[in-house]
C-alpha atoms as a PDB file:
ATOM      1  CA  MET A   1       9.211  -5.077  -5.963  1.00  0.00           C
ATOM      2  CA  PRO A   2       7.970  -6.859  -3.054  1.00  0.00           C
ATOM      3  CA  PRO A   3      10.393  -7.147   0.167  1.00  0.00           C
ATOM      4  CA  SER A   4      12.264 -10.705   0.606  1.00  0.00           C
ATOM      5  CA  THR A   5      10.205 -11.020   4.079  1.00  0.00           C
ATOM      6  CA  PRO A   6       6.706 -11.060   4.179  1.00  0.00           C
ATOM      7  CA  PHE A   7       5.488  -7.860   6.118  1.00  0.00           C
ATOM      8  CA  ASP A   8       4.680  -8.348  10.176  1.00  0.00           C
ATOM      9  CA  MET A   9       1.472  -7.193  10.487  1.00  0.00           C
ATOM     10  CA  ILE A  10       0.990  -8.364  13.919  1.00  0.00           C
ATOM     11  CA  SER A  11       3.618  -5.825  15.163  1.00  0.00           C
ATOM     12  CA  ALA A  12       2.536  -2.960  12.445  1.00  0.00           C
ATOM     13  CA  ALA A  13       2.339   0.526  13.591  1.00  0.00           C
ATOM     14  CA  PRO A  14       1.344   3.989  11.676  1.00  0.00           C
ATOM     15  CA  GLU A  15       4.788   4.809  10.938  1.00  0.00           C
ATOM     16  CA  ASP A  16       4.892   2.080   8.777  1.00  0.00           C
ATOM     17  CA  PHE A  17       2.090   3.323   6.575  1.00  0.00           C
ATOM     18  CA  GLY A  18       2.512   6.746   6.862  1.00  0.00           C
ATOM     19  CA  PRO A  19       5.831   7.090   4.238  1.00  0.00           C
ATOM     20  CA  HIS A  20       3.224   5.182   1.544  1.00  0.00           C
ATOM     21  CA  ILE A  21       0.165   7.644   2.137  1.00  0.00           C
ATOM     22  CA  GLY A  22      -0.479   9.071  -1.639  1.00  0.00           C
ATOM     23  CA  GLU A  23       0.513   5.589  -3.214  1.00  0.00           C
ATOM     24  CA  PRO A  24      -1.503   2.639  -4.562  1.00  0.00           C
ATOM     25  CA  PHE A  25      -2.708  -0.574  -3.199  1.00  0.00           C
ATOM     26  CA  THR A  26      -4.065  -2.986  -5.447  1.00  0.00           C
ATOM     27  CA  VAL A  27      -6.709  -5.625  -4.540  1.00  0.00           C
ATOM     28  CA  GLN A  28      -7.688  -8.434  -7.333  1.00  0.00           C
ATOM     29  CA  THR A  29     -11.230  -8.569  -7.965  1.00  0.00           C
ATOM     30  CA  GLU A  30     -13.328 -11.279  -9.958  1.00  0.00           C
ATOM     31  CA  ALA A  31     -13.153  -7.243 -12.563  1.00  0.00           C
ATOM     32  CA  GLY A  32     -10.047  -7.312 -12.533  1.00  0.00           C
ATOM     33  CA  PRO A  33      -7.233  -5.488  -9.816  1.00  0.00           C
ATOM     34  CA  LEU A  34      -8.821  -2.559  -8.579  1.00  0.00           C
ATOM     35  CA  ALA A  35      -6.647   0.461  -7.447  1.00  0.00           C
ATOM     36  CA  LEU A  36      -7.134   1.482  -3.511  1.00  0.00           C
ATOM     37  CA  ILE A  37      -4.978   4.725  -2.645  1.00  0.00           C
ATOM     38  CA  LEU A  38      -3.773   5.207   0.744  1.00  0.00           C
ATOM     39  CA  ASP A  39      -5.251   8.355   1.891  1.00  0.00           C
ATOM     40  CA  ASN A  40      -4.799   8.435   5.745  1.00  0.00           C
ATOM     41  CA  VAL A  41      -3.151   6.832   8.592  1.00  0.00           C
ATOM     42  CA  LYS A  42      -5.394   8.066  11.579  1.00  0.00           C
ATOM     43  CA  ARG A  43      -3.736   6.847  15.284  1.00  0.00           C
ATOM     44  CA  PHE A  44      -6.461   6.414  18.382  1.00  0.00           C
ATOM     45  CA  GLU A  45      -4.588   8.306  20.469  1.00  0.00           C
ATOM     46  CA  ARG A  46      -6.361   6.844  24.271  1.00  0.00           C
ATOM     47  CA  SER A  47      -6.497   3.415  22.838  1.00  0.00           C
ATOM     48  CA  MET A  48      -4.213   0.911  23.366  1.00  0.00           C
ATOM     49  CA  ILE A  49      -4.286  -2.295  21.642  1.00  0.00           C
ATOM     50  CA  ARG A  50      -2.046  -3.468  23.798  1.00  0.00           C
ATOM     51  CA  ASP A  51      -0.747  -1.540  26.945  1.00  0.00           C
ATOM     52  CA  LYS A  52       2.499  -3.837  28.106  1.00  0.00           C
ATOM     53  CA  VAL A  53       4.967  -6.195  26.435  1.00  0.00           C
ATOM     54  CA  VAL A  54       3.167  -9.294  24.984  1.00  0.00           C
ATOM     55  CA  ARG A  55       4.692 -12.639  24.391  1.00  0.00           C
ATOM     56  CA  ILE A  56       3.373 -15.236  21.934  1.00  0.00           C
ATOM     57  CA  LYS A  57       5.582 -18.221  20.772  1.00  0.00           C
ATOM     58  CA  GLY A  58       8.511 -17.013  22.197  1.00  0.00           C
ATOM     59  CA  GLU A  59       8.356 -13.711  20.800  1.00  0.00           C
ATOM     60  CA  ALA A  60       7.829  -9.924  22.570  1.00  0.00           C
ATOM     61  CA  LEU A  61       5.587  -7.841  21.100  1.00  0.00           C
ATOM     62  CA  PRO A  62       5.755  -4.171  21.897  1.00  0.00           C
ATOM     63  CA  PRO A  63       2.900  -2.072  23.376  1.00  0.00           C
ATOM     64  CA  ARG A  64       1.494   0.103  20.775  1.00  0.00           C
ATOM     65  CA  GLN A  65      -1.855   2.073  19.711  1.00  0.00           C
ATOM     66  CA  ALA A  66      -4.597   1.100  17.432  1.00  0.00           C
ATOM     67  CA  PHE A  67      -4.634   2.805  14.253  1.00  0.00           C
ATOM     68  CA  ALA A  68      -6.752   2.925  11.022  1.00  0.00           C
ATOM     69  CA  LEU A  69      -6.003   2.917   7.882  1.00  0.00           C
ATOM     70  CA  THR A  70      -8.076   4.541   4.790  1.00  0.00           C
ATOM     71  CA  PHE A  71      -8.120   4.189   1.262  1.00  0.00           C
ATOM     72  CA  GLU A  72      -9.858   5.796  -1.472  1.00  0.00           C
ATOM     73  CA  GLY A  73     -11.021   3.776  -4.216  1.00  0.00           C
ATOM     74  CA  PRO A  74     -13.252   4.211  -7.269  1.00  0.00           C
ATOM     75  CA  VAL A  75     -17.228   4.654  -7.485  1.00  0.00           C
ATOM     76  CA  THR A  76     -17.654   1.347  -8.926  1.00  0.00           C
ATOM     77  CA  PRO A  77     -17.202  -1.684  -8.050  1.00  0.00           C
ATOM     78  CA  VAL A  78     -17.801  -1.270  -4.400  1.00  0.00           C
ATOM     79  CA  LEU A  79     -16.181  -4.146  -2.374  1.00  0.00           C
ATOM     80  CA  ALA A  80     -17.978  -5.990   0.535  1.00  0.00           C
ATOM     81  CA  SER A  81     -16.551  -5.953   3.863  1.00  0.00           C
ATOM     82  CA  ALA A  82     -14.110  -8.519   3.839  1.00  0.00           C
ATOM     83  CA  MET A  83     -10.666  -9.973   4.371  1.00  0.00           C
ATOM     84  CA  VAL A  84      -8.554  -8.813   1.286  1.00  0.00           C
ATOM     85  CA  THR A  85      -5.234  -9.100   0.212  1.00  0.00           C
ATOM     86  CA  LEU A  86      -3.669  -5.451  -0.802  1.00  0.00           C
ATOM     87  CA  GLN A  87      -0.237  -5.767  -2.595  1.00  0.00           C
ATOM     88  CA  HIS A  88       2.009  -3.308  -2.470  1.00  0.00           C
ATOM     89  CA  ALA A  89       5.011  -2.295  -4.428  1.00  0.00           C
ATOM     90  CA  THR A  90       7.687  -2.027  -1.115  1.00  0.00           C
ATOM     91  CA  LEU A  91       5.470  -3.456   2.147  1.00  0.00           C
ATOM     92  CA  GLY A  92       4.785  -6.512  -0.424  1.00  0.00           C
ATOM     93  CA  ASP A  93       1.233  -8.827   0.070  1.00  0.00           C
ATOM     94  CA  LEU A  94      -0.997  -7.762   3.444  1.00  0.00           C
ATOM     95  CA  THR A  95      -3.974  -9.454   4.194  1.00  0.00           C
ATOM     96  CA  LEU A  96      -6.444  -6.899   6.433  1.00  0.00           C
ATOM     97  CA  PHE A  97     -10.161  -6.510   6.923  1.00  0.00           C
ATOM     98  CA  LEU A  98     -11.181  -3.825   4.694  1.00  0.00           C
ATOM     99  CA  SER A  99     -15.019  -2.229   4.983  1.00  0.00           C
ATOM    100  CA  PRO A 100     -16.567   0.379   2.963  1.00  0.00           C
ATOM    101  CA  PHE A 101     -17.696   3.127   5.375  1.00  0.00           C
ATOM    102  CA  ARG A 102     -18.410   6.340   2.661  1.00  0.00           C
ATOM    103  CA  GLN A 103     -19.422   6.888  -0.616  1.00  0.00           C
ATOM    104  CA  ASP A 104     -18.911  10.118  -2.138  1.00  0.00           C
ATOM    105  CA  GLU A 105     -19.782  11.337  -6.114  1.00  0.00           C
ATOM    106  CA  ASP A 106     -16.296  10.373  -6.887  1.00  0.00           C
ATOM    107  CA  CYS A 107     -14.955   8.105  -4.655  1.00  0.00           C
ATOM    108  CA  VAL A 108     -15.636   4.866  -1.701  1.00  0.00           C
ATOM    109  CA  LEU A 109     -13.621   5.090   1.792  1.00  0.00           C
ATOM    110  CA  TYR A 110     -12.380   2.041   2.993  1.00  0.00           C
ATOM    111  CA  GLU A 111     -11.017   1.620   6.472  1.00  0.00           C
ATOM    112  CA  ALA A 112      -8.860  -0.693   7.744  1.00  0.00           C
ATOM    113  CA  LEU A 113      -8.615  -1.248  11.731  1.00  0.00           C
ATOM    114  CA  PHE A 114      -5.624  -2.422  13.327  1.00  0.00           C
ATOM    115  CA  ASN A 115      -7.061  -2.825  17.281  1.00  0.00           C
END
């Protein structure tokens, strides 16, 4: 069941996604729903998105490190780099820029960067 409040992508952190490694996130395609499995959460230890508190419309956003989510999908169809809405049973709808970066014999890997 999706959460009652939308997931806040502005304050998203690696810790929000780590517990969901191995779980499916579904994207709607022209061919129907496509399940992508969250494969990895990569932290960029030396890269800070925000190195200090930032205020946007009165809301204080804490410092955070850049990170990436890696998803594994089937060999076909291959999704083009684009903004997509992923649906997750716990996190709800997440709108991310998803980009394929490697195709193997048995899967395609996609990445969403938070930077």
